[in-house]
N, C-alpha and C. Protein backbone atom coordinates (compact mmCIF):
# COMPACT_ATOMS: atom_id res chain seq x y z
N MET A 1 35.15 -24.19 -26.85
CA MET A 1 34.00 -22.82 -26.92
C MET A 1 32.99 -23.44 -27.19
N ALA A 2 32.73 -23.74 -28.86
CA ALA A 2 31.48 -24.26 -29.62
C ALA A 2 30.99 -25.05 -29.11
N PHE A 3 31.23 -26.03 -27.52
CA PHE A 3 30.58 -26.51 -26.60
C PHE A 3 30.12 -26.14 -25.90
N VAL A 4 30.42 -25.12 -25.14
CA VAL A 4 29.51 -24.43 -24.26
C VAL A 4 28.72 -23.47 -24.90
N CYS A 5 28.60 -23.00 -25.70
CA CYS A 5 27.68 -22.22 -26.87
C CYS A 5 26.52 -23.22 -27.06
N VAL A 6 26.80 -24.39 -27.67
CA VAL A 6 25.72 -24.93 -28.10
C VAL A 6 25.00 -25.68 -26.70
N LYS A 7 25.39 -25.78 -25.61
CA LYS A 7 24.93 -26.53 -24.54
C LYS A 7 24.06 -25.09 -24.07
N CYS A 8 24.97 -23.88 -24.12
CA CYS A 8 23.68 -22.38 -23.67
C CYS A 8 22.87 -22.18 -24.47
N THR A 9 22.80 -22.65 -25.32
CA THR A 9 21.86 -22.47 -26.75
C THR A 9 20.62 -23.86 -26.12
N ASP A 10 21.08 -25.03 -26.35
CA ASP A 10 20.02 -26.17 -25.70
C ASP A 10 19.44 -25.81 -24.52
N VAL A 11 20.09 -25.50 -23.57
CA VAL A 11 19.70 -24.81 -21.90
C VAL A 11 18.60 -24.06 -22.31
N ALA A 12 18.84 -22.76 -23.45
CA ALA A 12 17.88 -21.61 -23.60
C ALA A 12 16.67 -22.39 -24.07
N ALA A 13 16.54 -23.45 -25.19
CA ALA A 13 15.58 -23.51 -25.98
C ALA A 13 14.72 -24.23 -24.89
N VAL A 14 14.97 -25.29 -23.98
CA VAL A 14 14.36 -25.91 -23.10
C VAL A 14 13.64 -25.01 -21.94
N ARG A 15 14.05 -23.76 -21.71
CA ARG A 15 13.34 -23.06 -20.84
C ARG A 15 12.73 -22.60 -21.47
N LEU A 16 12.66 -22.39 -22.82
CA LEU A 16 11.49 -21.77 -23.98
C LEU A 16 10.40 -22.17 -23.64
N ILE A 17 10.84 -24.01 -24.31
CA ILE A 17 9.91 -24.89 -24.58
C ILE A 17 8.82 -25.00 -22.74
N GLN A 18 9.56 -25.14 -21.83
CA GLN A 18 8.87 -25.43 -20.62
C GLN A 18 7.84 -23.96 -20.10
N LEU A 19 8.45 -22.59 -20.81
CA LEU A 19 8.06 -21.25 -20.51
C LEU A 19 6.64 -21.50 -21.40
N LEU A 20 6.85 -21.69 -22.28
CA LEU A 20 5.38 -21.82 -23.27
C LEU A 20 4.26 -23.13 -22.87
N CYS A 21 4.79 -24.07 -22.32
CA CYS A 21 3.86 -24.95 -21.86
C CYS A 21 3.61 -24.98 -20.71
N TRP A 22 3.79 -23.69 -20.00
CA TRP A 22 3.45 -23.62 -18.59
C TRP A 22 2.01 -23.33 -18.08
N THR A 23 1.37 -23.77 -17.32
CA THR A 23 0.09 -23.71 -17.40
C THR A 23 -0.07 -22.60 -16.25
N PRO A 24 -0.94 -21.95 -16.50
CA PRO A 24 -1.25 -20.90 -14.80
C PRO A 24 -1.58 -21.89 -13.65
N PRO A 25 -1.44 -21.49 -12.27
CA PRO A 25 -2.30 -22.09 -11.07
C PRO A 25 -3.40 -22.10 -11.07
N CYS A 26 -4.01 -22.57 -10.72
CA CYS A 26 -5.44 -23.04 -10.71
C CYS A 26 -6.33 -21.91 -9.35
N ILE A 27 -6.25 -20.74 -9.49
CA ILE A 27 -6.96 -19.75 -8.60
C ILE A 27 -8.55 -20.11 -8.33
N PRO A 28 -8.82 -20.63 -6.81
CA PRO A 28 -10.16 -20.76 -6.78
C PRO A 28 -11.12 -19.94 -6.36
N GLU A 29 -12.22 -19.81 -7.39
CA GLU A 29 -13.21 -18.62 -6.87
C GLU A 29 -13.55 -18.30 -5.47
N VAL A 30 -13.69 -17.18 -5.18
CA VAL A 30 -13.79 -16.52 -3.62
C VAL A 30 -15.37 -15.65 -3.93
N TYR A 31 -16.29 -15.98 -2.90
CA TYR A 31 -17.51 -15.36 -3.19
C TYR A 31 -17.80 -14.71 -1.71
N LEU A 32 -17.92 -13.50 -1.90
CA LEU A 32 -18.24 -12.34 -0.91
C LEU A 32 -19.51 -12.10 -1.16
N PRO A 33 -20.42 -11.84 -0.29
CA PRO A 33 -21.83 -11.76 -0.14
C PRO A 33 -21.61 -10.28 -0.10
N GLU A 34 -22.68 -9.66 -0.71
CA GLU A 34 -23.12 -8.43 -1.05
C GLU A 34 -23.44 -7.48 0.42
N GLU A 35 -24.17 -8.36 1.13
CA GLU A 35 -24.61 -7.76 2.52
C GLU A 35 -23.78 -7.35 3.20
N PRO A 36 -22.38 -7.50 4.06
CA PRO A 36 -21.85 -6.87 4.86
C PRO A 36 -21.79 -5.88 4.31
N PHE A 37 -21.00 -5.58 2.98
CA PHE A 37 -20.40 -4.37 2.20
C PHE A 37 -21.67 -3.19 2.35
N ILE A 38 -23.19 -3.55 2.34
CA ILE A 38 -23.92 -2.42 2.43
C ILE A 38 -24.29 -2.16 3.67
N HIS A 39 -23.87 -2.99 5.03
CA HIS A 39 -24.21 -2.43 6.25
C HIS A 39 -22.88 -1.47 6.64
N VAL A 40 -21.64 -2.27 6.14
CA VAL A 40 -20.58 -0.97 6.29
C VAL A 40 -20.85 0.26 5.62
N ALA A 41 -21.11 0.52 4.52
CA ALA A 41 -21.34 1.53 3.75
C ALA A 41 -22.46 2.82 4.24
N SER A 42 -23.16 1.94 4.66
CA SER A 42 -24.33 2.61 5.14
C SER A 42 -23.80 3.21 7.07
N ALA A 43 -23.10 2.49 7.29
CA ALA A 43 -22.88 3.08 9.07
C ALA A 43 -21.80 3.79 8.80
N LEU A 44 -21.06 3.69 7.77
CA LEU A 44 -20.21 4.73 7.15
C LEU A 44 -20.87 6.16 6.61
N THR A 45 -21.51 6.13 6.09
CA THR A 45 -22.67 7.17 5.52
C THR A 45 -22.99 7.74 6.72
N ILE A 46 -23.69 7.57 7.50
CA ILE A 46 -24.51 7.80 8.85
C ILE A 46 -23.09 8.21 9.46
N GLU A 47 -22.17 7.81 10.15
CA GLU A 47 -21.13 8.72 10.74
C GLU A 47 -20.28 9.80 9.74
N ILE A 48 -20.29 9.89 8.62
CA ILE A 48 -20.12 11.24 7.70
C ILE A 48 -21.13 12.05 7.74
N ASN A 49 -22.26 11.88 7.99
CA ASN A 49 -23.15 12.90 7.61
C ASN A 49 -23.18 13.73 9.22
N ARG A 50 -23.19 12.56 10.44
CA ARG A 50 -23.19 13.59 11.87
C ARG A 50 -21.83 14.23 11.80
N ALA A 51 -20.80 13.78 11.08
CA ALA A 51 -19.71 15.19 11.35
C ALA A 51 -19.90 16.39 10.32
N PHE A 52 -20.55 15.94 9.21
CA PHE A 52 -20.95 17.35 8.35
C PHE A 52 -21.65 17.74 9.31
N LYS A 53 -22.85 17.49 9.53
CA LYS A 53 -23.83 18.40 10.80
C LYS A 53 -22.81 18.83 12.11
N LEU A 54 -22.12 18.38 12.73
CA LEU A 54 -21.47 19.11 13.61
C LEU A 54 -20.49 19.93 13.27
N LEU A 55 -20.13 19.79 12.06
CA LEU A 55 -19.16 21.23 11.35
C LEU A 55 -19.86 22.06 11.11
N GLN A 56 -21.52 21.93 10.15
CA GLN A 56 -22.57 23.13 10.03
C GLN A 56 -22.73 23.14 11.28
N ASP A 57 -22.92 22.91 12.28
CA ASP A 57 -23.27 23.58 13.68
C ASP A 57 -22.25 24.90 14.36
N VAL A 58 -21.57 24.02 14.19
CA VAL A 58 -19.94 24.96 14.87
C VAL A 58 -19.83 26.11 13.48
N ALA A 59 -19.90 26.22 12.47
CA ALA A 59 -19.45 27.02 11.26
C ALA A 59 -20.97 28.15 11.59
N SER A 60 -21.58 27.81 11.85
CA SER A 60 -23.10 28.81 11.99
C SER A 60 -23.18 29.21 13.31
N GLY A 61 -22.13 28.63 14.35
CA GLY A 61 -22.23 29.24 15.86
C GLY A 61 -23.77 28.66 16.31
N ARG A 62 -24.12 27.97 15.90
CA ARG A 62 -25.18 27.47 16.93
C ARG A 62 -24.79 26.71 18.32
N ASN A 63 -25.68 26.76 19.34
CA ASN A 63 -25.13 26.19 20.68
C ASN A 63 -25.22 24.70 20.78
N LEU A 64 -24.06 24.47 21.08
CA LEU A 64 -23.46 22.81 21.08
C LEU A 64 -23.77 22.19 22.27
N LYS A 65 -24.27 20.90 22.64
CA LYS A 65 -24.69 20.47 23.43
C LYS A 65 -23.89 19.38 24.37
């Protein structure tokens, strides 16, 4: 029984050493250009403003075309 306990302790010690000496994987740096995000945000803003204008026209009872 003592032999099993000693072996379990040895295995745990080896795993701990492996864990402490572990180096994280190299994650490549990703470059995302700013321009496409600006275009999407601008187009989205225009569509949201159109929707708000339509809701305002409906709420005020203006003639919808």
